Amino acid sequence: MMNSPAFAALLNARRKLLRMSVRSIAELSGVSTATVNRLLGGQFDRTEFRHVVAVAATLGIEFEPRVQDAKLVTTRQARRKAQKLVALVQGSSALEQQAVDRRAYAKMLKRTETELLNGSRKQLWSR
């Protein structure tokens, strides 16, 4: 989901535009007024997702799931993981005063990404 302050601001702006009270939102969404107030205050961590969806729907905000291409998702994960792994190597090398230049770093990054994509999926998704 988007970050909490931005989403809370969207909910509040929409509530004001529609001139709805917290009580009205609670009644129409089937969510308690305390929960509506928490959402409007940006406190999403203690709220069930179904309540977020119900309040948003009451305010005319819809959630539309988007499925991304699996290759894009795995490539993005491989890139993130490669960046972490190569950064570790780069950090260790820097301590030993053997850090690689930008070009070599980019090459290492691409090679690690490729190895991750061609290797075990378990390794790709593990921390």
N, C-alpha and C. Protein backbone atom coordinates (compact mmCIF):
# COMPACT_ATOMS: atom_id res chain seq x y z
N MET A 1 0.85 -1.18 0.00
CA MET A 1 0.00 0.00 0.00
C MET A 1 0.89 1.24 0.00
N MET A 2 0.33 2.36 -0.38
CA MET A 2 1.09 3.59 -0.37
C MET A 2 1.46 3.95 1.07
N ASN A 3 2.33 4.91 1.25
CA ASN A 3 2.74 5.21 2.62
C ASN A 3 1.58 5.79 3.41
N SER A 4 1.58 5.53 4.69
CA SER A 4 0.46 5.87 5.56
C SER A 4 0.08 7.34 5.58
N PRO A 5 1.03 8.27 5.74
CA PRO A 5 0.63 9.68 5.75
C PRO A 5 -0.05 10.13 4.46
N ALA A 6 0.45 9.67 3.32
CA ALA A 6 -0.14 10.06 2.04
C ALA A 6 -1.53 9.48 1.89
N PHE A 7 -1.70 8.23 2.30
CA PHE A 7 -3.02 7.60 2.18
C PHE A 7 -4.00 8.22 3.16
N ALA A 8 -3.54 8.52 4.37
CA ALA A 8 -4.40 9.19 5.35
C ALA A 8 -4.84 10.56 4.83
N ALA A 9 -3.91 11.27 4.19
CA ALA A 9 -4.23 12.59 3.61
C ALA A 9 -5.28 12.44 2.52
N LEU A 10 -5.14 11.38 1.70
CA LEU A 10 -6.13 11.12 0.64
C LEU A 10 -7.51 10.84 1.25
N LEU A 11 -7.56 10.01 2.29
CA LEU A 11 -8.83 9.71 2.95
C LEU A 11 -9.46 10.97 3.53
N ASN A 12 -8.65 11.77 4.20
CA ASN A 12 -9.16 13.01 4.81
C ASN A 12 -9.64 14.01 3.76
N ALA A 13 -8.89 14.15 2.69
CA ALA A 13 -9.29 15.08 1.63
C ALA A 13 -10.61 14.64 1.01
N ARG A 14 -10.73 13.35 0.80
CA ARG A 14 -11.96 12.80 0.21
C ARG A 14 -13.14 12.99 1.16
N ARG A 15 -12.92 12.75 2.45
CA ARG A 15 -13.97 12.93 3.46
C ARG A 15 -14.46 14.37 3.47
N LYS A 16 -13.51 15.30 3.40
CA LYS A 16 -13.88 16.73 3.40
C LYS A 16 -14.62 17.10 2.13
N LEU A 17 -14.15 16.58 1.00
CA LEU A 17 -14.80 16.86 -0.27
C LEU A 17 -16.25 16.37 -0.26
N LEU A 18 -16.45 15.19 0.29
CA LEU A 18 -17.80 14.61 0.36
C LEU A 18 -18.61 15.14 1.54
N ARG A 19 -17.94 15.89 2.41
CA ARG A 19 -18.58 16.45 3.61
C ARG A 19 -19.22 15.35 4.47
N MET A 20 -18.44 14.30 4.70
CA MET A 20 -18.92 13.18 5.51
C MET A 20 -18.31 13.24 6.90
N SER A 21 -19.14 12.93 7.88
CA SER A 21 -18.63 12.85 9.24
C SER A 21 -17.99 11.49 9.46
N VAL A 22 -17.18 11.41 10.48
CA VAL A 22 -16.55 10.14 10.85
C VAL A 22 -17.65 9.13 11.18
N ARG A 23 -18.66 9.58 11.85
CA ARG A 23 -19.78 8.70 12.23
C ARG A 23 -20.47 8.13 10.98
N SER A 24 -20.70 8.98 9.98
CA SER A 24 -21.33 8.52 8.74
C SER A 24 -20.46 7.47 8.04
N ILE A 25 -19.17 7.73 7.98
CA ILE A 25 -18.26 6.77 7.35
C ILE A 25 -18.31 5.45 8.10
N ALA A 26 -18.29 5.51 9.41
CA ALA A 26 -18.33 4.30 10.23
C ALA A 26 -19.61 3.51 9.98
N GLU A 27 -20.73 4.20 9.98
CA GLU A 27 -22.01 3.52 9.78
C GLU A 27 -22.11 2.89 8.39
N LEU A 28 -21.71 3.63 7.38
CA LEU A 28 -21.82 3.13 6.01
C LEU A 28 -20.81 2.03 5.68
N SER A 29 -19.66 2.08 6.32
CA SER A 29 -18.62 1.09 6.03
C SER A 29 -18.70 -0.14 6.93
N GLY A 30 -19.43 -0.01 8.05
CA GLY A 30 -19.49 -1.12 9.00
C GLY A 30 -18.24 -1.23 9.86
N VAL A 31 -17.50 -0.14 9.94
CA VAL A 31 -16.26 -0.09 10.72
C VAL A 31 -16.48 0.84 11.90
N SER A 32 -15.89 0.54 13.04
CA SER A 32 -16.10 1.37 14.23
C SER A 32 -15.56 2.78 14.02
N THR A 33 -16.11 3.73 14.75
CA THR A 33 -15.62 5.12 14.65
C THR A 33 -14.17 5.21 15.11
N ALA A 34 -13.79 4.40 16.08
CA ALA A 34 -12.40 4.41 16.55
C ALA A 34 -11.46 3.99 15.42
N THR A 35 -11.86 2.97 14.67
CA THR A 35 -11.03 2.50 13.56
C THR A 35 -10.97 3.54 12.45
N VAL A 36 -12.10 4.17 12.14
CA VAL A 36 -12.11 5.22 11.12
C VAL A 36 -11.17 6.35 11.55
N ASN A 37 -11.23 6.74 12.80
CA ASN A 37 -10.34 7.80 13.30
C ASN A 37 -8.87 7.39 13.21
N ARG A 38 -8.58 6.12 13.50
CA ARG A 38 -7.19 5.64 13.37
C ARG A 38 -6.72 5.74 11.92
N LEU A 39 -7.60 5.33 11.00
CA LEU A 39 -7.23 5.40 9.58
C LEU A 39 -7.01 6.84 9.13
N LEU A 40 -7.90 7.71 9.52
CA LEU A 40 -7.76 9.12 9.16
C LEU A 40 -6.51 9.74 9.77
N GLY A 41 -6.07 9.16 10.89
CA GLY A 41 -4.85 9.62 11.55
C GLY A 41 -3.59 8.94 11.03
N GLY A 42 -3.75 8.04 10.04
CA GLY A 42 -2.59 7.39 9.44
C GLY A 42 -2.07 6.19 10.21
N GLN A 43 -2.85 5.68 11.14
CA GLN A 43 -2.42 4.53 11.94
C GLN A 43 -2.96 3.24 11.33
N PHE A 44 -2.27 2.75 10.31
CA PHE A 44 -2.72 1.57 9.58
C PHE A 44 -2.20 0.28 10.17
N ASP A 45 -1.17 0.36 11.00
CA ASP A 45 -0.53 -0.85 11.51
C ASP A 45 -1.44 -1.66 12.43
N ARG A 46 -2.38 -1.04 13.08
CA ARG A 46 -3.28 -1.76 13.97
C ARG A 46 -4.68 -1.97 13.37
N THR A 47 -4.77 -1.88 12.07
CA THR A 47 -6.06 -1.97 11.39
C THR A 47 -6.06 -3.10 10.39
N GLU A 48 -7.15 -3.85 10.35
CA GLU A 48 -7.28 -4.93 9.38
C GLU A 48 -7.45 -4.32 7.98
N PHE A 49 -6.86 -5.00 7.01
CA PHE A 49 -6.91 -4.51 5.63
C PHE A 49 -8.36 -4.38 5.16
N ARG A 50 -9.22 -5.31 5.54
CA ARG A 50 -10.62 -5.26 5.10
C ARG A 50 -11.29 -3.97 5.59
N HIS A 51 -10.86 -3.46 6.74
CA HIS A 51 -11.42 -2.21 7.25
C HIS A 51 -10.93 -1.02 6.43
N VAL A 52 -9.67 -1.07 6.03
CA VAL A 52 -9.12 -0.01 5.17
C VAL A 52 -9.90 0.02 3.86
N VAL A 53 -10.12 -1.16 3.28
CA VAL A 53 -10.86 -1.26 2.02
C VAL A 53 -12.28 -0.75 2.19
N ALA A 54 -12.94 -1.12 3.28
CA ALA A 54 -14.33 -0.71 3.51
C ALA A 54 -14.46 0.81 3.65
N VAL A 55 -13.55 1.40 4.41
CA VAL A 55 -13.59 2.86 4.59
C VAL A 55 -13.29 3.56 3.26
N ALA A 56 -12.28 3.09 2.56
CA ALA A 56 -11.93 3.68 1.26
C ALA A 56 -13.10 3.57 0.29
N ALA A 57 -13.74 2.41 0.24
CA ALA A 57 -14.87 2.21 -0.67
C ALA A 57 -16.02 3.15 -0.32
N THR A 58 -16.25 3.35 0.96
CA THR A 58 -17.30 4.27 1.39
C THR A 58 -17.01 5.68 0.90
N LEU A 59 -15.72 6.01 0.81
CA LEU A 59 -15.32 7.34 0.32
C LEU A 59 -15.14 7.37 -1.20
N GLY A 60 -15.45 6.25 -1.86
CA GLY A 60 -15.35 6.21 -3.32
C GLY A 60 -13.93 5.98 -3.82
N ILE A 61 -13.09 5.37 -2.99
CA ILE A 61 -11.72 5.05 -3.38
C ILE A 61 -11.64 3.54 -3.54
N GLU A 62 -11.26 3.10 -4.72
CA GLU A 62 -11.20 1.66 -4.99
C GLU A 62 -9.77 1.16 -5.02
N PHE A 63 -9.60 -0.08 -4.62
CA PHE A 63 -8.32 -0.76 -4.73
C PHE A 63 -8.42 -1.70 -5.91
N GLU A 64 -7.51 -1.56 -6.82
CA GLU A 64 -7.52 -2.43 -8.00
C GLU A 64 -6.20 -3.20 -8.05
N PRO A 65 -6.25 -4.50 -7.81
CA PRO A 65 -5.00 -5.27 -7.87
C PRO A 65 -4.43 -5.26 -9.28
N ARG A 66 -3.12 -5.12 -9.36
CA ARG A 66 -2.43 -5.18 -10.64
C ARG A 66 -1.39 -6.28 -10.56
N VAL A 67 -1.45 -7.18 -11.50
CA VAL A 67 -0.50 -8.29 -11.54
C VAL A 67 0.63 -7.92 -12.50
N GLN A 68 1.85 -7.94 -11.98
CA GLN A 68 3.00 -7.62 -12.81
C GLN A 68 3.55 -8.89 -13.43
N ASP A 69 4.21 -8.73 -14.53
CA ASP A 69 4.84 -9.84 -15.23
C ASP A 69 5.83 -10.52 -14.29
N ALA A 70 5.80 -11.86 -14.22
CA ALA A 70 6.65 -12.62 -13.32
C ALA A 70 8.13 -12.37 -13.60
N LYS A 71 8.49 -12.22 -14.86
CA LYS A 71 9.89 -11.97 -15.21
C LYS A 71 10.35 -10.63 -14.64
N LEU A 72 9.50 -9.63 -14.69
CA LEU A 72 9.82 -8.32 -14.13
C LEU A 72 10.04 -8.42 -12.62
N VAL A 73 9.18 -9.16 -11.94
CA VAL A 73 9.28 -9.31 -10.49
C VAL A 73 10.57 -10.03 -10.11
N THR A 74 10.89 -11.12 -10.81
CA THR A 74 12.11 -11.86 -10.48
C THR A 74 13.37 -11.06 -10.84
N THR A 75 13.32 -10.34 -11.94
CA THR A 75 14.48 -9.51 -12.32
C THR A 75 14.70 -8.41 -11.29
N ARG A 76 13.63 -7.78 -10.84
CA ARG A 76 13.75 -6.74 -9.82
C ARG A 76 14.33 -7.30 -8.53
N GLN A 77 13.88 -8.49 -8.14
CA GLN A 77 14.40 -9.13 -6.93
C GLN A 77 15.87 -9.48 -7.09
N ALA A 78 16.24 -10.01 -8.25
CA ALA A 78 17.64 -10.36 -8.51
C ALA A 78 18.52 -9.11 -8.44
N ARG A 79 18.04 -8.01 -8.98
CA ARG A 79 18.80 -6.76 -8.96
C ARG A 79 18.98 -6.26 -7.52
N ARG A 80 17.90 -6.31 -6.73
CA ARG A 80 17.99 -5.87 -5.33
C ARG A 80 18.98 -6.73 -4.55
N LYS A 81 18.85 -8.03 -4.73
CA LYS A 81 19.73 -8.94 -3.99
C LYS A 81 21.17 -8.80 -4.47
N ALA A 82 21.38 -8.65 -5.76
CA ALA A 82 22.73 -8.46 -6.30
C ALA A 82 23.35 -7.19 -5.73
N GLN A 83 22.57 -6.13 -5.63
CA GLN A 83 23.08 -4.88 -5.07
C GLN A 83 23.55 -5.07 -3.63
N LYS A 84 22.78 -5.82 -2.85
CA LYS A 84 23.17 -6.09 -1.46
C LYS A 84 24.45 -6.90 -1.40
N LEU A 85 24.51 -7.98 -2.20
CA LEU A 85 25.67 -8.85 -2.18
C LEU A 85 26.93 -8.13 -2.65
N VAL A 86 26.83 -7.41 -3.74
CA VAL A 86 27.99 -6.71 -4.28
C VAL A 86 28.42 -5.58 -3.34
N ALA A 87 27.47 -4.95 -2.69
CA ALA A 87 27.81 -3.90 -1.72
C ALA A 87 28.60 -4.49 -0.56
N LEU A 88 28.25 -5.69 -0.14
CA LEU A 88 29.00 -6.35 0.93
C LEU A 88 30.44 -6.61 0.49
N VAL A 89 30.58 -7.11 -0.72
CA VAL A 89 31.93 -7.37 -1.26
C VAL A 89 32.69 -6.06 -1.39
N GLN A 90 32.04 -5.06 -1.92
CA GLN A 90 32.67 -3.75 -2.10
C GLN A 90 33.10 -3.18 -0.76
N GLY A 91 32.24 -3.32 0.25
CA GLY A 91 32.58 -2.81 1.58
C GLY A 91 33.78 -3.52 2.17
N SER A 92 33.81 -4.84 2.02
CA SER A 92 34.94 -5.62 2.52
C SER A 92 36.22 -5.25 1.78
N SER A 93 36.09 -5.10 0.47
CA SER A 93 37.25 -4.74 -0.34
C SER A 93 37.78 -3.36 0.02
N ALA A 94 36.88 -2.45 0.31
CA ALA A 94 37.27 -1.09 0.68
C ALA A 94 38.06 -1.10 1.98
N LEU A 95 37.64 -1.96 2.91
CA LEU A 95 38.37 -2.07 4.17
C LEU A 95 39.80 -2.55 3.94
N GLU A 96 39.96 -3.38 2.93
CA GLU A 96 41.29 -3.90 2.60
C GLU A 96 41.98 -3.02 1.55
N GLN A 97 41.39 -1.89 1.27
CA GLN A 97 41.88 -0.93 0.28
C GLN A 97 42.02 -1.56 -1.10
N GLN A 98 41.03 -2.41 -1.44
CA GLN A 98 41.01 -3.06 -2.75
C GLN A 98 39.67 -2.83 -3.44
N ALA A 99 39.00 -1.75 -3.12
CA ALA A 99 37.70 -1.47 -3.70
C ALA A 99 37.81 -1.34 -5.22
N VAL A 100 36.76 -1.78 -5.91
CA VAL A 100 36.78 -1.74 -7.38
C VAL A 100 36.19 -0.42 -7.87
N ASP A 101 36.56 -0.07 -9.10
CA ASP A 101 36.03 1.16 -9.67
C ASP A 101 34.58 0.97 -10.10
N ARG A 102 33.96 2.02 -10.54
CA ARG A 102 32.55 2.03 -10.91
C ARG A 102 32.22 1.02 -12.00
N ARG A 103 33.05 0.95 -12.98
CA ARG A 103 32.83 0.06 -14.12
C ARG A 103 32.89 -1.41 -13.69
N ALA A 104 33.90 -1.74 -12.89
CA ALA A 104 34.03 -3.11 -12.39
C ALA A 104 32.87 -3.44 -11.46
N TYR A 105 32.45 -2.47 -10.69
CA TYR A 105 31.31 -2.65 -9.79
C TYR A 105 30.04 -2.98 -10.60
N ALA A 106 29.80 -2.23 -11.66
CA ALA A 106 28.62 -2.46 -12.51
C ALA A 106 28.68 -3.84 -13.15
N LYS A 107 29.88 -4.25 -13.53
CA LYS A 107 30.06 -5.56 -14.13
C LYS A 107 29.76 -6.68 -13.11
N MET A 108 30.27 -6.49 -11.90
CA MET A 108 30.00 -7.46 -10.82
C MET A 108 28.50 -7.53 -10.53
N LEU A 109 27.87 -6.38 -10.53
CA LEU A 109 26.44 -6.31 -10.26
C LEU A 109 25.66 -7.09 -11.31
N LYS A 110 25.95 -6.87 -12.57
CA LYS A 110 25.25 -7.55 -13.66
C LYS A 110 25.51 -9.06 -13.61
N ARG A 111 26.75 -9.46 -13.36
CA ARG A 111 27.08 -10.88 -13.30
C ARG A 111 26.35 -11.56 -12.14
N THR A 112 26.31 -10.90 -10.99
CA THR A 112 25.62 -11.46 -9.82
C THR A 112 24.12 -11.56 -10.08
N GLU A 113 23.55 -10.55 -10.70
CA GLU A 113 22.13 -10.57 -11.05
C GLU A 113 21.82 -11.75 -11.97
N THR A 114 22.65 -11.94 -12.98
CA THR A 114 22.47 -13.04 -13.93
C THR A 114 22.58 -14.40 -13.24
N GLU A 115 23.56 -14.53 -12.36
CA GLU A 115 23.73 -15.78 -11.61
C GLU A 115 22.51 -16.07 -10.74
N LEU A 116 21.99 -15.04 -10.13
CA LEU A 116 20.79 -15.22 -9.28
C LEU A 116 19.59 -15.64 -10.12
N LEU A 117 19.44 -15.04 -11.29
CA LEU A 117 18.31 -15.38 -12.17
C LEU A 117 18.44 -16.80 -12.73
N ASN A 118 19.66 -17.25 -12.95
CA ASN A 118 19.87 -18.58 -13.51
C ASN A 118 19.98 -19.67 -12.45
N GLY A 119 20.09 -19.26 -11.20
CA GLY A 119 20.28 -20.23 -10.12
C GLY A 119 18.97 -20.63 -9.46
N SER A 120 19.11 -21.10 -8.26
CA SER A 120 17.98 -21.59 -7.46
C SER A 120 17.03 -20.45 -7.10
N ARG A 121 15.74 -20.67 -7.27
CA ARG A 121 14.75 -19.66 -6.89
C ARG A 121 14.74 -19.47 -5.37
N LYS A 122 15.06 -20.54 -4.66
CA LYS A 122 15.11 -20.46 -3.21
C LYS A 122 16.17 -19.43 -2.80
N GLN A 123 17.31 -19.45 -3.47
CA GLN A 123 18.38 -18.49 -3.18
C GLN A 123 17.96 -17.07 -3.56
N LEU A 124 17.23 -16.95 -4.65
CA LEU A 124 16.78 -15.65 -5.12
C LEU A 124 15.86 -14.99 -4.09
N TRP A 125 14.96 -15.75 -3.50
CA TRP A 125 13.96 -15.18 -2.60
C TRP A 125 14.37 -15.19 -1.14
N SER A 126 15.45 -15.86 -0.80
CA SER A 126 15.88 -15.88 0.61
C SER A 126 16.55 -14.57 0.96
N ARG A 127 16.61 -14.30 2.22
CA ARG A 127 17.28 -13.08 2.69
C ARG A 127 18.73 -13.33 2.66
